[in-house]
Amino acid sequence: MQGVNWNLWHGCHKISEGCQNCYVYRRDSSVDRDASAVTKTQNFNLPVKRSRGGEYKVPLGSFVWTCFTSDFFIEEADGWRTDAWKMIKERSDCTFLFITKRIERIYDCLPSDWGEGYDNVIIGCTIENQKQADRRLPVFLSAPIKHRQIFCEPLLEKIDLTKYLCGKIEAVGAGGESGPDARVCDFDWVKSLSEQAKKADISFSYHQTGARLLKDGRLYKIDRRFQHSQAKKAGIDYNKKGM
């Protein structure tokens, strides 16, 4: 399945501890851009753009990483989201994944024909500590969503997800924080999440180590180029039985 990035709007507001060293703010500051200004991008209609021959430019069956330089549920996008849902529905052949820290806004942001969810939409709820897990995940689990994933990124402390890892969750991901001011991620916290997911028979993925990884009492500073590959070398990913 081909992967495509679709950032239909750009910019966000920091709302919790995980936002402190946001990569969007870091990148935008390097080009003197205000990351707090939410704007529609030129790629807003990317999924339905067609070639001169009439074919979709985004290939059939693509996996679309959606709105990763903003939040799909951010308030400033309320006037644009209806058109976004229409494009997502039109491209029912593609799978769309977006993650949000604003899961409490879900009922204000869903299309009128959502029902129990679109088959081609995966919603990820991102959490960074126990406080946000306990605040966001009850809402996440009670909302009408067909495909749910939990993203523990940037992971800032040990988190107990046990009571949330029911059959409604399809996967859990974890990762440390990147950037020059990254906070430390303890590998034991990541291992704990992996073990919790495995016990519940839910897929787990260790996405990236982060820039500062504490493992076996030693602090490692890991270059951005190697943060993904080093995470995979840890060998703690888990695939749900039968997958």
C-alpha atoms as a PDB file:
ATOM      1  CA  MET A   1       0.000   0.000   0.000  1.00  0.00           C
ATOM      2  CA  GLN A   2       1.465   3.304  -1.090  1.00  0.00           C
ATOM      3  CA  GLY A   3       1.807   6.024   1.546  1.00  0.00           C
ATOM      4  CA  VAL A   4       0.822   9.630   0.842  1.00  0.00           C
ATOM      5  CA  ASN A   5       1.069  12.722   3.059  1.00  0.00           C
ATOM      6  CA  TRP A   6      -1.954  15.018   3.001  1.00  0.00           C
ATOM      7  CA  ASN A   7      -1.560  18.170   5.066  1.00  0.00           C
ATOM      8  CA  LEU A   8      -4.777  19.944   4.140  1.00  0.00           C
ATOM      9  CA  TRP A   9      -4.281  22.704   6.708  1.00  0.00           C
ATOM     10  CA  HIS A  10      -1.220  23.813   8.617  1.00  0.00           C
ATOM     11  CA  GLY A  11      -0.604  25.321  12.020  1.00  0.00           C
ATOM     12  CA  CYS A  12      -1.765  24.505  15.523  1.00  0.00           C
ATOM     13  CA  HIS A  13      -1.982  25.667  19.157  1.00  0.00           C
ATOM     14  CA  LYS A  14      -0.170  24.059  22.054  1.00  0.00           C
ATOM     15  CA  ILE A  15      -2.700  22.607  24.478  1.00  0.00           C
ATOM     16  CA  SER A  16      -0.884  20.105  26.705  1.00  0.00           C
ATOM     17  CA  GLU A  17       2.489  18.893  27.955  1.00  0.00           C
ATOM     18  CA  GLY A  18       3.286  16.945  24.798  1.00  0.00           C
ATOM     19  CA  CYS A  19       3.120  20.115  22.714  1.00  0.00           C
ATOM     20  CA  GLN A  20       6.018  21.831  24.482  1.00  0.00           C
ATOM     21  CA  ASN A  21       8.638  21.024  21.824  1.00  0.00           C
ATOM     22  CA  CYS A  22       6.291  20.551  18.848  1.00  0.00           C
ATOM     23  CA  TYR A  23       8.164  19.678  15.654  1.00  0.00           C
ATOM     24  CA  VAL A  24       5.843  21.883  13.583  1.00  0.00           C
ATOM     25  CA  TYR A  25       6.777  24.916  15.669  1.00  0.00           C
ATOM     26  CA  ARG A  26      10.448  23.970  15.421  1.00  0.00           C
ATOM     27  CA  ARG A  27      10.353  23.644  11.649  1.00  0.00           C
ATOM     28  CA  ASP A  28       8.294  26.778  11.122  1.00  0.00           C
ATOM     29  CA  SER A  29      10.559  28.886  13.325  1.00  0.00           C
ATOM     30  CA  SER A  30      13.506  27.923  11.111  1.00  0.00           C
ATOM     31  CA  VAL A  31      11.798  29.658   8.167  1.00  0.00           C
ATOM     32  CA  ASP A  32      10.342  32.534  10.218  1.00  0.00           C
ATOM     33  CA  ARG A  33       6.788  31.205   9.976  1.00  0.00           C
ATOM     34  CA  ASP A  34       4.123  31.503  12.677  1.00  0.00           C
ATOM     35  CA  ALA A  35       3.100  27.926  13.496  1.00  0.00           C
ATOM     36  CA  SER A  36       0.137  29.114  15.558  1.00  0.00           C
ATOM     37  CA  ALA A  37      -1.567  30.551  12.459  1.00  0.00           C
ATOM     38  CA  VAL A  38      -3.898  27.897  11.020  1.00  0.00           C
ATOM     39  CA  THR A  39      -4.154  28.144   7.243  1.00  0.00           C
ATOM     40  CA  LYS A  40      -5.580  26.010   4.454  1.00  0.00           C
ATOM     41  CA  THR A  41      -2.823  24.612   2.242  1.00  0.00           C
ATOM     42  CA  GLN A  42      -2.501  24.439  -1.529  1.00  0.00           C
ATOM     43  CA  ASN A  43      -2.835  20.657  -1.221  1.00  0.00           C
ATOM     44  CA  PHE A  44      -6.262  20.886   0.392  1.00  0.00           C
ATOM     45  CA  ASN A  45      -7.922  18.935  -2.431  1.00  0.00           C
ATOM     46  CA  LEU A  46      -5.043  16.507  -2.997  1.00  0.00           C
ATOM     47  CA  PRO A  47      -7.069  13.252  -2.726  1.00  0.00           C
ATOM     48  CA  VAL A  48      -9.438  14.256  -5.527  1.00  0.00           C
ATOM     49  CA  LYS A  49      -6.949  15.931  -7.859  1.00  0.00           C
ATOM     50  CA  ARG A  50      -6.889  14.264 -11.259  1.00  0.00           C
ATOM     51  CA  SER A  51      -4.361  13.978 -14.046  1.00  0.00           C
ATOM     52  CA  ARG A  52      -5.052  15.143 -17.584  1.00  0.00           C
ATOM     53  CA  GLY A  53      -6.136  11.600 -18.301  1.00  0.00           C
ATOM     54  CA  GLY A  54      -8.799  11.814 -15.625  1.00  0.00           C
ATOM     55  CA  GLU A  55      -7.145   9.498 -13.116  1.00  0.00           C
ATOM     56  CA  TYR A  56      -6.691  10.375  -9.467  1.00  0.00           C
ATOM     57  CA  LYS A  57      -3.210  11.664  -8.734  1.00  0.00           C
ATOM     58  CA  VAL A  58      -3.287   9.861  -5.388  1.00  0.00           C
ATOM     59  CA  PRO A  59      -3.117   6.208  -6.464  1.00  0.00           C
ATOM     60  CA  LEU A  60      -5.978   3.842  -5.763  1.00  0.00           C
ATOM     61  CA  GLY A  61      -5.592   2.030  -2.459  1.00  0.00           C
ATOM     62  CA  SER A  62      -3.182   4.554  -0.938  1.00  0.00           C
ATOM     63  CA  PHE A  63      -2.629   4.950   2.805  1.00  0.00           C
ATOM     64  CA  VAL A  64      -3.020   8.658   3.488  1.00  0.00           C
ATOM     65  CA  TRP A  65      -1.226  10.202   6.471  1.00  0.00           C
ATOM     66  CA  THR A  66      -3.622  13.060   7.148  1.00  0.00           C
ATOM     67  CA  CYS A  67      -3.099  16.455   8.805  1.00  0.00           C
ATOM     68  CA  PHE A  68       0.256  15.795  10.475  1.00  0.00           C
ATOM     69  CA  THR A  69       1.195  19.501  10.580  1.00  0.00           C
ATOM     70  CA  SER A  70      -1.966  20.472  12.436  1.00  0.00           C
ATOM     71  CA  ASP A  71      -4.877  18.790  14.230  1.00  0.00           C
ATOM     72  CA  PHE A  72      -7.824  17.553  12.173  1.00  0.00           C
ATOM     73  CA  PHE A  73     -10.222  18.698  14.903  1.00  0.00           C
ATOM     74  CA  ILE A  74      -8.728  22.154  15.476  1.00  0.00           C
ATOM     75  CA  GLU A  75     -11.341  24.914  15.782  1.00  0.00           C
ATOM     76  CA  GLU A  76     -10.017  27.142  12.992  1.00  0.00           C
ATOM     77  CA  ALA A  77     -10.675  24.368  10.459  1.00  0.00           C
ATOM     78  CA  ASP A  78     -14.374  24.015  11.288  1.00  0.00           C
ATOM     79  CA  GLY A  79     -15.312  25.841   8.100  1.00  0.00           C
ATOM     80  CA  TRP A  80     -13.170  23.576   5.912  1.00  0.00           C
ATOM     81  CA  ARG A  81     -13.769  20.167   7.470  1.00  0.00           C
ATOM     82  CA  THR A  82     -17.064  19.411   5.699  1.00  0.00           C
ATOM     83  CA  ASP A  83     -15.294  19.521   2.336  1.00  0.00           C
ATOM     84  CA  ALA A  84     -12.481  17.391   3.760  1.00  0.00           C
ATOM     85  CA  TRP A  85     -14.947  14.696   4.827  1.00  0.00           C
ATOM     86  CA  LYS A  86     -16.524  14.756   1.349  1.00  0.00           C
ATOM     87  CA  MET A  87     -13.132  14.068  -0.221  1.00  0.00           C
ATOM     88  CA  ILE A  88     -12.410  11.283   2.269  1.00  0.00           C
ATOM     89  CA  LYS A  89     -15.761   9.686   1.452  1.00  0.00           C
ATOM     90  CA  GLU A  90     -15.193  10.046  -2.299  1.00  0.00           C
ATOM     91  CA  ARG A  91     -11.858   8.258  -1.938  1.00  0.00           C
ATOM     92  CA  SER A  92     -13.304   5.243  -0.147  1.00  0.00           C
ATOM     93  CA  ASP A  93     -10.615   3.170  -1.882  1.00  0.00           C
ATOM     94  CA  CYS A  94      -7.961   4.857   0.292  1.00  0.00           C
ATOM     95  CA  THR A  95      -7.318   4.608   4.022  1.00  0.00           C
ATOM     96  CA  PHE A  96      -6.989   7.883   5.937  1.00  0.00           C
ATOM     97  CA  LEU A  97      -5.249   8.150   9.312  1.00  0.00           C
ATOM     98  CA  PHE A  98      -5.171  11.258  11.464  1.00  0.00           C
ATOM     99  CA  ILE A  99      -4.211  11.732  15.098  1.00  0.00           C
ATOM    100  CA  THR A 100      -5.681  14.260  17.502  1.00  0.00           C
ATOM    101  CA  LYS A 101      -5.162  15.784  20.922  1.00  0.00           C
ATOM    102  CA  ARG A 102      -8.658  17.257  20.661  1.00  0.00           C
ATOM    103  CA  ILE A 103     -10.769  14.117  20.850  1.00  0.00           C
ATOM    104  CA  GLU A 104     -13.290  15.959  23.046  1.00  0.00           C
ATOM    105  CA  ARG A 105     -14.303  17.929  19.910  1.00  0.00           C
ATOM    106  CA  ILE A 106     -15.214  14.845  17.915  1.00  0.00           C
ATOM    107  CA  TYR A 107     -18.979  15.290  18.184  1.00  0.00           C
ATOM    108  CA  ASP A 108     -18.692  18.837  16.813  1.00  0.00           C
ATOM    109  CA  CYS A 109     -16.527  17.700  13.914  1.00  0.00           C
ATOM    110  CA  LEU A 110     -18.154  14.598  12.418  1.00  0.00           C
ATOM    111  CA  PRO A 111     -20.069  14.592   9.107  1.00  0.00           C
ATOM    112  CA  SER A 112     -23.831  14.090   9.193  1.00  0.00           C
ATOM    113  CA  ASP A 113     -23.593  10.635   7.588  1.00  0.00           C
ATOM    114  CA  TRP A 114     -20.803   9.369   9.875  1.00  0.00           C
ATOM    115  CA  GLY A 115     -22.974   6.847  11.734  1.00  0.00           C
ATOM    116  CA  GLU A 116     -20.611   4.534  13.586  1.00  0.00           C
ATOM    117  CA  GLY A 117     -17.709   5.685  11.452  1.00  0.00           C
ATOM    118  CA  TYR A 118     -16.327   5.486   7.928  1.00  0.00           C
ATOM    119  CA  ASP A 119     -14.681   2.191   7.043  1.00  0.00           C
ATOM    120  CA  ASN A 120     -11.681   3.984   5.509  1.00  0.00           C
ATOM    121  CA  VAL A 121     -10.877   6.290   8.444  1.00  0.00           C
ATOM    122  CA  ILE A 122      -8.530   5.503  11.347  1.00  0.00           C
ATOM    123  CA  ILE A 123      -8.551   7.986  14.207  1.00  0.00           C
ATOM    124  CA  GLY A 124      -5.568   8.055  16.523  1.00  0.00           C
ATOM    125  CA  CYS A 125      -5.779   9.611  19.969  1.00  0.00           C
ATOM    126  CA  THR A 126      -2.395  10.905  21.046  1.00  0.00           C
ATOM    127  CA  ILE A 127      -1.386  10.973  24.715  1.00  0.00           C
ATOM    128  CA  GLU A 128       1.873  11.776  26.462  1.00  0.00           C
ATOM    129  CA  ASN A 129       1.317  10.988  30.129  1.00  0.00           C
ATOM    130  CA  GLN A 130      -1.156   9.352  32.504  1.00  0.00           C
ATOM    131  CA  LYS A 131      -3.122  12.558  33.028  1.00  0.00           C
ATOM    132  CA  GLN A 132      -3.903  12.891  29.329  1.00  0.00           C
ATOM    133  CA  ALA A 133      -4.608   9.167  29.007  1.00  0.00           C
ATOM    134  CA  ASP A 134      -7.218   9.387  31.740  1.00  0.00           C
ATOM    135  CA  ARG A 135      -8.666  12.565  30.263  1.00  0.00           C
ATOM    136  CA  ARG A 136      -8.810  11.653  26.584  1.00  0.00           C
ATOM    137  CA  LEU A 137      -9.193   7.894  26.330  1.00  0.00           C
ATOM    138  CA  PRO A 138     -12.621   7.561  27.996  1.00  0.00           C
ATOM    139  CA  VAL A 139     -13.968  10.002  25.392  1.00  0.00           C
ATOM    140  CA  PHE A 140     -12.088   8.173  22.648  1.00  0.00           C
ATOM    141  CA  LEU A 141     -13.533   4.799  23.604  1.00  0.00           C
ATOM    142  CA  SER A 142     -17.101   6.055  23.875  1.00  0.00           C
ATOM    143  CA  ALA A 143     -17.109   7.890  20.526  1.00  0.00           C
ATOM    144  CA  PRO A 144     -18.500   6.310  17.338  1.00  0.00           C
ATOM    145  CA  ILE A 145     -15.268   5.248  15.603  1.00  0.00           C
ATOM    146  CA  LYS A 146     -14.705   2.070  13.591  1.00  0.00           C
ATOM    147  CA  HIS A 147     -10.903   2.093  13.695  1.00  0.00           C
ATOM    148  CA  ARG A 148      -9.025   3.406  16.748  1.00  0.00           C
ATOM    149  CA  GLN A 149      -5.337   3.606  17.589  1.00  0.00           C
ATOM    150  CA  ILE A 150      -3.542   5.079  20.588  1.00  0.00           C
ATOM    151  CA  PHE A 151      -0.335   7.059  20.032  1.00  0.00           C
ATOM    152  CA  CYS A 152       1.835   7.572  23.126  1.00  0.00           C
ATOM    153  CA  GLU A 153       4.062  10.255  21.661  1.00  0.00           C
ATOM    154  CA  PRO A 154       6.065  12.011  22.843  1.00  0.00           C
ATOM    155  CA  LEU A 155       6.150   9.574  25.741  1.00  0.00           C
ATOM    156  CA  LEU A 156       6.963  11.605  28.863  1.00  0.00           C
ATOM    157  CA  GLU A 157       6.364   9.101  31.657  1.00  0.00           C
ATOM    158  CA  LYS A 158       5.256   5.564  32.398  1.00  0.00           C
ATOM    159  CA  ILE A 159       1.609   5.083  31.406  1.00  0.00           C
ATOM    160  CA  ASP A 160      -0.824   2.374  32.485  1.00  0.00           C
ATOM    161  CA  LEU A 161      -3.228   1.698  29.610  1.00  0.00           C
ATOM    162  CA  THR A 162      -4.572  -1.568  31.015  1.00  0.00           C
ATOM    163  CA  LYS A 163      -8.173  -0.470  31.519  1.00  0.00           C
ATOM    164  CA  TYR A 164      -8.318   1.104  28.072  1.00  0.00           C
ATOM    165  CA  LEU A 165      -6.958  -1.786  26.015  1.00  0.00           C
ATOM    166  CA  CYS A 166     -10.251  -3.350  25.062  1.00  0.00           C
ATOM    167  CA  GLY A 167     -11.369  -4.770  21.740  1.00  0.00           C
ATOM    168  CA  LYS A 168     -12.119  -1.284  20.465  1.00  0.00           C
ATOM    169  CA  ILE A 169      -8.399  -0.421  20.168  1.00  0.00           C
ATOM    170  CA  GLU A 170      -6.643  -1.817  17.098  1.00  0.00           C
ATOM    171  CA  ALA A 171      -3.080  -0.697  17.781  1.00  0.00           C
ATOM    172  CA  VAL A 172      -0.827   1.184  20.177  1.00  0.00           C
ATOM    173  CA  GLY A 173       2.224   3.184  19.150  1.00  0.00           C
ATOM    174  CA  ALA A 174       4.941   4.825  21.226  1.00  0.00           C
ATOM    175  CA  GLY A 175       7.894   7.087  20.642  1.00  0.00           C
ATOM    176  CA  GLY A 176      10.239   9.532  22.271  1.00  0.00           C
ATOM    177  CA  GLU A 177      10.583  13.230  21.588  1.00  0.00           C
ATOM    178  CA  SER A 178      12.821  14.554  18.828  1.00  0.00           C
ATOM    179  CA  GLY A 179      14.616  17.881  18.517  1.00  0.00           C
ATOM    180  CA  PRO A 180      17.451  19.676  20.347  1.00  0.00           C
ATOM    181  CA  ASP A 181      15.351  20.294  23.477  1.00  0.00           C
ATOM    182  CA  ALA A 182      13.843  16.810  23.602  1.00  0.00           C
ATOM    183  CA  ARG A 183      12.873  15.442  26.993  1.00  0.00           C
ATOM    184  CA  VAL A 184      14.196  12.055  28.069  1.00  0.00           C
ATOM    185  CA  CYS A 185      12.263   8.918  27.175  1.00  0.00           C
ATOM    186  CA  ASP A 186      12.912   5.901  29.377  1.00  0.00           C
ATOM    187  CA  PHE A 187      13.022   2.635  27.459  1.00  0.00           C
ATOM    188  CA  ASP A 188      11.336   0.912  30.404  1.00  0.00           C
ATOM    189  CA  TRP A 189       8.233   3.048  29.773  1.00  0.00           C
ATOM    190  CA  VAL A 190       8.150   1.854  26.165  1.00  0.00           C
ATOM    191  CA  LYS A 191       8.669  -1.787  27.145  1.00  0.00           C
ATOM    192  CA  SER A 192       5.818  -1.521  29.623  1.00  0.00           C
ATOM    193  CA  LEU A 193       3.461  -0.344  26.870  1.00  0.00           C
ATOM    194  CA  SER A 194       4.628  -3.145  24.605  1.00  0.00           C
ATOM    195  CA  GLU A 195       3.937  -5.706  27.316  1.00  0.00           C
ATOM    196  CA  GLN A 196       0.515  -4.229  28.071  1.00  0.00           C
ATOM    197  CA  ALA A 197      -0.465  -4.357  24.398  1.00  0.00           C
ATOM    198  CA  LYS A 198       0.822  -7.895  23.961  1.00  0.00           C
ATOM    199  CA  LYS A 199      -1.097  -9.084  27.015  1.00  0.00           C
ATOM    200  CA  ALA A 200      -4.277  -7.588  25.526  1.00  0.00           C
ATOM    201  CA  ASP A 201      -3.385  -9.007  22.069  1.00  0.00           C
ATOM    202  CA  ILE A 202      -3.281  -5.546  20.497  1.00  0.00           C
ATOM    203  CA  SER A 203      -0.649  -4.625  17.928  1.00  0.00           C
ATOM    204  CA  PHE A 204       2.201  -2.447  19.182  1.00  0.00           C
ATOM    205  CA  SER A 205       4.778  -0.366  17.326  1.00  0.00           C
ATOM    206  CA  TYR A 206       7.804   1.441  18.727  1.00  0.00           C
ATOM    207  CA  HIS A 207       7.967   4.310  16.246  1.00  0.00           C
ATOM    208  CA  GLN A 208      11.080   6.210  17.278  1.00  0.00           C
ATOM    209  CA  THR A 209      13.547   6.408  20.144  1.00  0.00           C
ATOM    210  CA  GLY A 210      13.520  10.172  20.415  1.00  0.00           C
ATOM    211  CA  ALA A 211      16.676  12.256  20.734  1.00  0.00           C
ATOM    212  CA  ARG A 212      17.374  11.301  24.365  1.00  0.00           C
ATOM    213  CA  LEU A 213      16.808   7.700  25.369  1.00  0.00           C
ATOM    214  CA  LEU A 214      17.457   6.332  28.837  1.00  0.00           C
ATOM    215  CA  LYS A 215      18.179   2.615  28.758  1.00  0.00           C
ATOM    216  CA  ASP A 216      19.686   0.437  31.487  1.00  0.00           C
ATOM    217  CA  GLY A 217      20.734   3.525  33.436  1.00  0.00           C
ATOM    218  CA  ARG A 218      22.568   5.088  30.518  1.00  0.00           C
ATOM    219  CA  LEU A 219      21.438   8.163  28.577  1.00  0.00           C
ATOM    220  CA  TYR A 220      21.857   7.891  24.826  1.00  0.00           C
ATOM    221  CA  LYS A 221      21.738  10.891  22.480  1.00  0.00           C
ATOM    222  CA  ILE A 222      20.456   9.609  19.171  1.00  0.00           C
ATOM    223  CA  ASP A 223      20.753  11.485  15.892  1.00  0.00           C
ATOM    224  CA  ARG A 224      17.454  12.120  14.099  1.00  0.00           C
ATOM    225  CA  ARG A 225      18.554   9.917  11.192  1.00  0.00           C
ATOM    226  CA  PHE A 226      18.680   6.844  13.390  1.00  0.00           C
ATOM    227  CA  GLN A 227      15.734   7.297  15.733  1.00  0.00           C
ATOM    228  CA  HIS A 228      13.348   5.166  13.674  1.00  0.00           C
ATOM    229  CA  SER A 229      15.803   2.423  12.801  1.00  0.00           C
ATOM    230  CA  GLN A 230      17.086   2.126  16.361  1.00  0.00           C
ATOM    231  CA  ALA A 231      13.530   1.778  17.635  1.00  0.00           C
ATOM    232  CA  LYS A 232      12.910  -1.121  15.262  1.00  0.00           C
ATOM    233  CA  LYS A 233      16.154  -2.788  16.334  1.00  0.00           C
ATOM    234  CA  ALA A 234      14.794  -2.939  19.891  1.00  0.00           C
ATOM    235  CA  GLY A 235      12.582  -5.803  18.722  1.00  0.00           C
ATOM    236  CA  ILE A 236       9.582  -4.994  20.930  1.00  0.00           C
ATOM    237  CA  ASP A 237       6.946  -4.503  18.210  1.00  0.00           C
ATOM    238  CA  TYR A 238       4.020  -6.891  18.402  1.00  0.00           C
ATOM    239  CA  ASN A 239       1.502  -7.997  15.784  1.00  0.00           C
ATOM    240  CA  LYS A 240      -1.930  -9.057  16.911  1.00  0.00           C
ATOM    241  CA  LYS A 241      -2.466 -12.803  16.610  1.00  0.00           C
ATOM    242  CA  GLY A 242      -3.752 -13.764  13.203  1.00  0.00           C
ATOM    243  CA  MET A 243      -2.347 -10.688  11.497  1.00  0.00           C
END
